[in-house]
Protein backbone atom coordinates (compact mmCIF):
# COMPACT_ATOMS: atom_id res chain seq x y z
CA MET A 1 130.32 -47.44 48.16
CA HIS A 2 127.10 -45.21 47.85
CA GLN A 3 125.99 -43.78 50.71
CA ARG A 4 122.36 -42.64 51.13
CA THR A 5 121.98 -39.12 52.15
CA LYS A 6 118.69 -38.65 54.55
CA GLN A 7 116.75 -36.14 53.48
CA PHE A 8 115.45 -34.01 56.34
CA VAL A 9 111.49 -33.65 56.65
CA PRO A 10 110.44 -31.05 59.14
CA GLN A 11 108.27 -31.92 62.10
CA ARG A 12 104.63 -30.57 62.27
CA SER A 13 104.94 -28.24 65.34
CA GLY A 14 101.26 -27.23 65.35
CA ILE A 15 97.92 -27.14 63.86
CA THR A 16 96.86 -25.52 60.61
CA LEU A 17 94.35 -22.64 60.49
CA PHE A 18 92.00 -25.15 58.27
CA GLU A 19 92.11 -27.48 61.14
CA VAL A 20 90.96 -24.62 63.30
CA VAL A 21 88.34 -23.55 61.73
CA LEU A 22 87.02 -26.90 60.87
CA ALA A 23 87.08 -27.75 64.95
CA LEU A 24 85.02 -24.62 65.25
CA ALA A 25 82.57 -25.41 62.58
CA ILE A 26 81.93 -28.72 64.52
CA PHE A 27 81.67 -26.87 67.48
CA LEU A 28 79.29 -24.27 66.45
CA GLY A 29 77.25 -26.88 64.98
CA ALA A 30 77.03 -28.90 67.79
CA MET A 31 76.05 -26.07 69.83
CA ALA A 32 73.37 -24.91 67.57
CA VAL A 33 71.66 -28.41 67.99
CA ILE A 34 71.97 -28.83 71.68
CA SER A 35 70.52 -25.47 72.05
CA GLN A 36 67.65 -26.35 69.98
CA VAL A 37 67.24 -29.60 71.99
CA LEU A 38 67.08 -27.68 75.14
CA GLU A 39 64.70 -25.04 73.99
CA ASN A 40 62.04 -27.98 72.60
CA GLY A 41 62.64 -29.68 76.15
CA SER A 42 62.11 -25.87 78.08
CA ARG A 43 59.27 -25.46 75.75
CA ALA A 44 57.11 -29.26 76.16
CA ALA A 45 57.92 -28.51 79.83
CA THR A 46 55.96 -25.45 80.22
CA LYS A 47 53.42 -26.85 78.47
CA ALA A 48 53.00 -29.63 80.44
CA GLN A 49 52.90 -27.82 83.73
CA LEU A 50 50.03 -25.37 82.08
CA SER A 51 47.93 -28.77 80.79
CA SER A 52 48.40 -29.81 84.49
CA ASN A 53 47.72 -26.81 86.24
CA ALA A 54 44.41 -26.23 83.76
CA VAL A 55 43.22 -29.81 84.64
CA ILE A 56 43.29 -29.38 88.56
CA ARG A 57 41.66 -25.53 88.47
CA CYS A 58 38.98 -27.34 85.88
CA GLU A 59 38.43 -30.17 88.39
CA ARG A 60 38.52 -27.80 91.23
CA ARG A 61 36.19 -25.61 89.74
CA MET A 62 34.17 -27.86 88.73
CA ASN A 63 33.84 -29.93 92.40
CA GLU A 64 32.97 -26.29 93.70
CA VAL A 65 29.86 -25.79 91.43
CA LEU A 66 28.77 -29.42 92.18
CA ALA A 67 29.10 -29.13 95.90
CA GLY A 68 26.74 -25.60 95.48
CA VAL A 69 29.71 -23.39 96.50
CA LEU A 70 29.06 -21.59 92.95
CA PRO A 71 26.04 -20.95 91.76
CA LEU A 72 24.78 -23.39 89.13
CA SER A 73 24.22 -20.91 86.27
CA SER A 74 26.21 -20.33 83.43
CA GLU A 75 29.23 -18.02 83.47
CA GLN A 76 31.46 -16.53 80.75
CA ASN A 77 35.25 -16.09 80.91
CA ALA A 78 35.08 -15.15 84.90
CA PRO A 79 39.36 -14.66 86.13
CA PHE A 80 40.12 -16.63 88.87
CA GLU A 81 40.80 -14.80 91.98
CA ASP A 82 44.29 -15.87 92.56
CA ASP A 83 45.64 -15.23 88.77
CA SER A 84 44.14 -13.19 86.49
CA SER A 85 45.97 -15.24 83.31
CA TRP A 86 43.66 -18.07 83.67
CA GLN A 87 40.19 -17.49 83.18
CA TRP A 88 37.02 -20.13 83.69
CA THR A 89 33.46 -20.69 81.86
CA LEU A 90 30.40 -22.73 83.12
CA ASN A 91 27.75 -23.92 80.63
CA VAL A 92 24.99 -25.18 81.89
CA ALA A 93 22.62 -26.96 79.96
CA ASP A 94 19.85 -29.46 79.89
CA SER A 95 21.00 -33.12 79.19
CA GLY A 96 17.88 -34.58 77.59
CA ILE A 97 17.69 -36.84 80.40
CA PRO A 98 14.97 -36.31 83.34
CA TYR A 99 15.95 -34.77 86.21
CA LEU A 100 20.01 -34.25 84.91
CA LEU A 101 21.98 -30.79 83.92
CA GLU A 102 24.82 -31.18 81.66
CA THR A 103 27.49 -29.16 83.16
CA GLU A 104 30.83 -28.16 81.31
CA MET A 105 33.74 -26.16 82.64
CA ILE A 106 36.10 -24.60 80.48
CA VAL A 107 39.32 -23.36 81.81
CA GLU A 108 41.73 -21.17 79.71
CA HIS A 109 45.46 -19.56 80.52
CA LEU A 110 45.80 -16.47 78.12
CA ASP A 111 49.48 -15.75 77.55
CA SER A 112 51.10 -12.04 77.32
CA ASN A 113 49.38 -11.21 74.59
CA GLY A 114 45.78 -12.08 75.75
CA MET A 115 45.97 -15.46 73.22
CA THR A 116 44.42 -18.82 74.58
CA ASN A 117 47.57 -21.22 74.57
CA THR A 118 45.93 -23.83 77.27
CA THR A 119 42.58 -25.21 77.35
CA PHE A 120 40.82 -27.84 79.51
CA ARG A 121 37.38 -29.08 79.47
CA LEU A 122 35.33 -31.02 81.71
CA THR A 123 31.73 -32.50 81.46
CA ARG A 124 29.47 -34.00 83.69
CA LEU A 125 25.91 -34.77 84.43
CA MET A 126 24.72 -33.84 87.81
CA ARG A 127 21.45 -33.84 89.44
CA ASP A 128 19.09 -30.69 88.99
CA PRO A 129 19.16 -28.94 92.21
CA GLN A 130 15.60 -28.23 91.76
CA ILE A 131 14.25 -31.62 92.41
CA TYR A 132 15.27 -30.93 96.21
CA GLU A 133 13.91 -27.61 96.55
CA ASP A 134 10.48 -29.19 94.95
CA ALA A 135 10.76 -32.07 97.25
CA ALA A 136 11.24 -30.04 100.32
CA ILE A 137 8.07 -27.94 99.62
CA ILE A 138 5.27 -29.87 101.55
CA PRO A 139 1.43 -28.75 101.22
CA GLU A 140 -0.21 -28.03 104.28
CA GLU A 141 -2.56 -30.27 103.59
CA GLU A 142 0.06 -33.17 103.94
CA LEU A 143 1.02 -31.80 107.17
């Protein structure tokens, strides 16, 4: 009888160099993608924080003008007292409506190069305070 002989097939005991290089390439590609996602998220978070800070500073400075704490006169690129990288501009103009003034507050943040990277504008109509001053002056004949 004819007996079949078994051929010995060596068992693989490790991974090949090609598999190591392929796994490393996949890992590095995934790390590059994850790094970009984190970078974009960080940049967006910083931009959102600057934008919300600009809104708060603009509203606060406009309220100071409306309350009479700051003079109602145009001001250009005045720095904030607490942080000189923030500056504000106030434009006061006639609105075309009697007894109303148009006030525009602009707040800007400057980066380390001195370039503006965040801006917020707020425009409001307000009564001309000169009306109250004129009304307070009563001629002596009327007293």
